[in-house]
Protein backbone atom coordinates (compact mmCIF):
# COMPACT_ATOMS: atom_id res chain seq x y z
CA MET A 1 22.01 -13.16 73.79
CA ASP A 2 21.62 -9.45 74.44
CA ILE A 3 17.94 -8.87 73.56
CA ALA A 4 18.24 -5.09 73.81
CA SER A 5 21.24 -5.02 71.46
CA ASP A 6 19.48 -7.33 69.00
CA ASP A 7 16.37 -5.13 69.04
CA ALA A 8 18.51 -2.04 68.44
CA GLN A 9 20.09 -3.65 65.40
CA TRP A 10 16.70 -4.54 63.94
CA SER A 11 15.47 -1.03 64.68
CA TRP A 12 18.42 0.44 62.76
CA TYR A 13 17.76 -1.96 59.88
CA ASN A 14 14.07 -1.03 59.75
CA ARG A 15 14.91 2.66 59.76
CA LEU A 16 17.30 2.09 56.84
CA LEU A 17 14.59 0.25 54.89
CA ALA A 18 12.13 3.06 55.60
CA TYR A 19 14.73 5.57 54.41
CA LEU A 20 15.28 3.68 51.16
CA ASP A 21 11.56 2.98 50.56
CA ASP A 22 10.48 6.61 50.88
CA ASP A 23 7.23 7.15 48.95
CA SER A 24 8.49 10.56 47.83
CA LEU A 25 10.83 8.90 45.35
CA PRO A 26 9.66 8.29 41.77
CA PRO A 27 7.85 4.95 41.46
CA ARG A 28 9.66 2.05 39.85
CA ASP A 29 8.05 0.80 36.65
CA SER A 30 7.84 -2.94 36.15
CA LEU A 31 10.73 -3.28 33.72
CA PRO A 32 12.61 -6.46 32.72
CA ARG A 33 15.99 -6.98 34.33
CA TYR A 34 17.91 -6.53 31.09
CA VAL A 35 16.93 -2.84 30.97
CA ALA A 36 16.69 -2.24 34.73
CA PRO A 37 19.24 -4.59 36.33
CA LEU A 38 19.71 -2.76 39.64
CA PRO A 39 17.84 -3.83 42.79
CA ARG A 40 15.19 -1.32 43.84
CA THR A 41 17.08 -0.56 47.06
CA ILE A 42 20.20 0.45 45.10
CA GLU A 43 18.15 2.70 42.83
CA ASN A 44 16.50 4.26 45.87
CA LEU A 45 19.84 4.80 47.58
CA GLY A 46 21.17 6.65 44.55
CA LEU A 47 18.05 8.83 44.40
CA ARG A 48 18.10 9.53 48.13
CA LEU A 49 21.78 10.55 47.96
CA ALA A 50 21.18 12.55 44.79
CA TRP A 51 23.12 15.67 45.77
CA LEU A 52 26.10 13.61 46.90
CA VAL A 53 26.03 11.77 43.55
CA VAL A 54 25.87 15.13 41.76
CA ALA A 55 28.87 16.42 43.71
CA ILE A 56 30.93 13.29 43.03
CA ASN A 57 30.21 13.54 39.31
CA LEU A 58 31.17 17.21 39.22
CA VAL A 59 34.48 16.36 40.88
CA GLY A 60 34.93 13.60 38.31
CA THR A 61 34.15 16.07 35.53
CA ALA A 62 36.82 18.48 36.79
CA PHE A 63 39.34 15.63 37.06
CA GLY A 64 38.42 14.47 33.56
CA PHE A 65 39.04 17.85 32.00
CA TRP A 66 42.42 17.94 33.77
CA TYR A 67 43.16 14.40 32.51
CA TYR A 68 42.56 15.51 28.90
CA ARG A 69 44.73 18.63 29.22
CA SER A 70 47.48 17.34 26.90
CA GLN A 71 44.97 16.23 24.28
CA PHE A 72 43.28 19.65 24.34
CA ALA A 73 46.68 21.21 23.68
CA THR A 74 47.12 19.24 20.44
CA THR A 75 43.51 19.49 19.20
CA PRO A 76 42.11 22.43 17.18
CA VAL A 77 39.84 24.50 19.42
CA VAL A 78 36.84 23.99 17.13
CA MET A 79 36.99 20.24 17.87
CA TRP A 80 37.34 20.52 21.65
CA PRO A 81 33.70 19.47 22.31
CA PHE A 82 34.58 16.02 20.89
CA VAL A 83 37.62 15.44 23.11
CA PRO A 84 36.45 15.05 26.76
CA ASP A 85 33.93 12.24 26.27
CA SER A 86 33.88 10.85 29.81
CA PRO A 87 33.93 14.26 31.58
CA LEU A 88 30.97 15.35 29.48
CA ALA A 89 29.12 12.15 30.38
CA THR A 90 29.64 12.76 34.11
CA LEU A 91 28.58 16.39 33.62
CA PHE A 92 25.42 15.24 31.86
CA ILE A 93 24.50 12.79 34.64
CA ALA A 94 25.20 15.45 37.29
CA CYS A 95 22.93 17.91 35.46
CA SER A 96 20.29 15.22 34.88
CA ILE A 97 20.01 14.33 38.56
CA ALA A 98 20.25 17.95 39.72
CA LEU A 99 17.48 19.10 37.37
CA TRP A 100 15.26 16.25 38.55
CA LYS A 101 15.85 17.26 42.18
CA LEU A 102 15.03 20.88 41.33
CA ASP A 103 11.77 19.81 39.63
CA ARG A 104 13.11 20.97 36.27
CA ASN A 105 13.45 17.58 34.64
CA ASN A 106 15.01 17.82 31.16
CA GLU A 107 14.55 14.80 28.91
CA VAL A 108 17.31 15.77 26.46
CA ILE A 109 19.84 16.01 29.30
CA ASN A 110 18.50 12.72 30.69
CA MET A 111 19.15 10.95 27.39
CA PHE A 112 22.56 12.56 26.93
CA ALA A 113 23.41 11.27 30.39
CA PHE A 114 22.05 7.80 29.64
CA PHE A 115 23.94 7.41 26.36
CA GLY A 116 27.12 8.97 27.76
CA CYS A 117 27.24 6.84 30.89
CA ILE A 118 26.53 3.63 28.98
CA LYS A 119 28.92 4.35 26.12
CA LEU A 120 31.88 5.77 28.05
CA GLY A 121 31.21 3.73 31.16
CA LEU A 122 31.73 0.56 29.13
CA TRP A 123 34.16 1.75 26.45
CA THR A 124 36.86 2.86 28.89
CA PRO A 125 37.10 -0.48 30.76
CA TYR A 126 37.01 -2.16 27.35
CA VAL A 127 40.11 -0.31 26.07
CA LEU A 128 41.83 -0.66 29.44
CA LEU A 129 41.49 -4.43 29.08
CA ALA A 130 42.15 -4.57 25.32
CA PHE A 131 45.40 -2.62 25.63
CA PHE A 132 46.35 -3.86 29.08
CA PRO A 133 50.09 -4.51 28.46
CA ALA A 134 50.55 -1.19 26.66
CA TRP A 135 49.07 0.82 29.51
CA ALA A 136 51.70 -0.59 31.85
CA GLN A 137 54.46 0.22 29.37
CA LEU A 138 53.09 3.75 29.07
CA GLY A 139 53.59 4.16 32.80
CA LEU A 140 49.97 4.29 33.93
CA HIS A 141 50.09 3.64 37.68
CA PRO A 142 48.07 0.60 38.86
CA ALA A 143 46.09 2.83 41.24
CA MET A 144 45.12 5.14 38.38
CA TYR A 145 44.32 2.14 36.17
CA ASN A 146 41.96 0.73 38.78
CA PHE A 147 40.42 4.14 39.47
CA LEU A 148 39.64 4.65 35.79
CA PHE A 149 38.33 1.10 35.41
CA TRP A 150 35.94 1.04 38.37
CA SER A 151 34.84 4.67 38.26
CA HIS A 152 33.73 4.23 34.66
CA LEU A 153 31.79 1.09 35.50
CA ALA A 154 30.07 3.14 38.21
CA MET A 155 28.86 5.43 35.42
CA VAL A 156 26.97 2.48 33.95
CA VAL A 157 25.28 1.92 37.31
CA GLU A 158 24.19 5.57 37.31
CA ALA A 159 22.68 5.20 33.83
CA PHE A 160 20.35 2.47 35.09
CA VAL A 161 18.78 4.82 37.65
CA ILE A 162 17.62 7.38 35.06
CA HIS A 163 14.52 5.34 34.15
CA ARG A 164 13.05 6.21 37.56
CA TYR A 165 12.52 9.86 36.62
CA SER A 166 12.69 9.86 32.81
CA ALA A 167 9.99 8.81 30.33
CA PHE A 168 12.63 8.03 27.68
CA PRO A 169 10.72 9.95 24.96
CA GLY A 170 11.63 8.93 21.42
CA TRP A 171 12.46 12.46 20.28
CA ALA A 172 14.95 12.95 23.15
CA ILE A 173 16.55 9.57 22.43
CA GLY A 174 16.90 10.71 18.81
CA VAL A 175 18.63 13.96 19.80
CA ALA A 176 21.13 12.12 22.02
CA LEU A 177 21.70 9.46 19.37
CA THR A 178 22.43 12.14 16.77
CA TRP A 179 25.10 13.71 18.98
CA TYR A 180 26.76 10.43 19.88
CA THR A 181 26.68 9.28 16.25
CA VAL A 182 28.45 12.46 15.14
CA ASP A 183 30.90 12.01 18.02
CA LEU A 184 31.54 8.43 16.89
CA VAL A 185 32.19 9.52 13.30
CA VAL A 186 34.68 12.28 14.15
CA ASP A 187 36.39 10.08 16.74
CA TYR A 188 37.12 7.16 14.43
CA PHE A 189 36.00 7.58 10.83
CA TYR A 190 36.10 11.18 9.60
CA PRO A 191 37.78 13.66 11.96
CA ILE A 192 36.90 16.77 9.84
CA VAL A 193 39.75 18.80 11.34
CA GLY A 194 43.12 17.25 12.16
CA GLN A 195 43.47 13.69 13.46
CA PRO A 196 40.76 11.40 14.91
CA HIS A 197 39.50 12.87 18.19
CA HIS A 198 39.03 9.73 20.25
CA THR A 199 40.58 9.41 23.69
CA ALA A 200 44.32 8.91 23.31
CA LEU A 201 45.31 5.25 23.19
CA PRO A 202 48.57 3.88 24.61
CA VAL A 203 49.73 2.93 21.11
CA ALA A 204 49.56 4.61 17.71
CA ASP A 205 46.32 4.18 15.77
CA SER A 206 48.10 2.35 12.96
CA VAL A 207 49.84 -0.22 15.15
CA PRO A 208 48.56 -3.78 14.44
CA TRP A 209 46.68 -5.09 17.45
CA LEU A 210 44.64 -8.10 18.51
CA SER A 211 45.22 -10.72 15.83
CA VAL A 212 41.88 -12.36 15.09
CA THR A 213 43.11 -15.00 12.63
CA THR A 214 46.31 -15.61 10.76
CA GLN A 215 44.85 -13.54 7.90
CA VAL A 216 43.21 -10.67 9.81
CA THR A 217 44.92 -8.27 12.20
CA LEU A 218 43.10 -5.21 13.52
CA SER A 219 44.82 -1.89 14.07
CA ALA A 220 44.60 -0.18 17.44
CA LEU A 221 42.14 2.33 15.99
CA GLU A 222 39.92 -0.46 14.66
CA VAL A 223 39.91 -2.23 18.02
CA ALA A 224 38.85 0.96 19.80
CA ALA A 225 36.30 1.84 17.10
CA ALA A 226 34.72 -1.63 17.13
CA GLY A 227 34.08 -1.36 20.84
CA ALA A 228 32.67 2.16 20.53
CA VAL A 229 30.28 1.16 17.73
CA LEU A 230 29.00 -1.96 19.49
CA ILE A 231 28.49 -0.15 22.79
CA THR A 232 26.65 2.68 21.03
CA VAL A 233 24.34 0.11 19.45
CA LEU A 234 23.80 -1.39 22.91
CA ALA A 235 22.88 2.05 24.30
CA VAL A 236 20.36 2.55 21.48
CA PHE A 237 18.82 -0.85 22.17
CA LEU A 238 18.56 -0.19 25.92
CA ALA A 239 17.09 3.29 25.43
CA TYR A 240 14.40 2.31 22.95
CA THR A 241 13.58 -0.92 24.79
CA THR A 242 13.18 0.99 28.05
CA ARG A 243 10.82 3.38 26.28
CA ALA A 244 8.82 0.51 24.78
CA LYS A 245 8.50 -1.28 28.12
CA LYS A 246 7.43 1.93 29.86
CA LEU A 247 4.62 2.33 27.31
CA GLU A 248 3.28 -1.20 27.78
């Protein structure tokens, strides 16, 4: 055994641990795993690489706006803020982390980022799975399918780092919840202007989809809406539970 080589490996490992356990990072509250599921080292890594994470999210935001270009073209300008859901979520998380790094922490932006990354980070993989055969028929390349699937799940991971530098104040949760409730309504239930403004699905909203029983068949719109509602409820639960546990 090469003792010198073995010692060098341990030295590198110890330096990595010291890098990830930097005392300059926000302390980790003692939260239950169901609201803070990431290992401390993963949280620390994300915080230590904050500017890289910001840059990646800004690139994702730019790509997202490009991805929605055809939907912008068919949507009245007044409703454009309700179209690019995922790009806005990545923009919110980029701003959230950047403001924390600049010592200008903004709790409203933090909560917009939390709700956005949870809701869109889970909803997109949900519809990719729910409409799996139709995406292939639409011509979505497998590489793009996998990119969308895994990159959106990564948004959920980002959401679970926010508790390290946010107090999750109730008023800020309420502001974010108001926005995402309005977004939910105009996306699926009452579009106000034109058609529903949800992310385009690979089939028409009215197409029957996902037979539940021999008597009940959900439309594509109902399948997408059901997922969005349930995930929004989950985000509310996680936000308020995180706040409650932080106050204990």
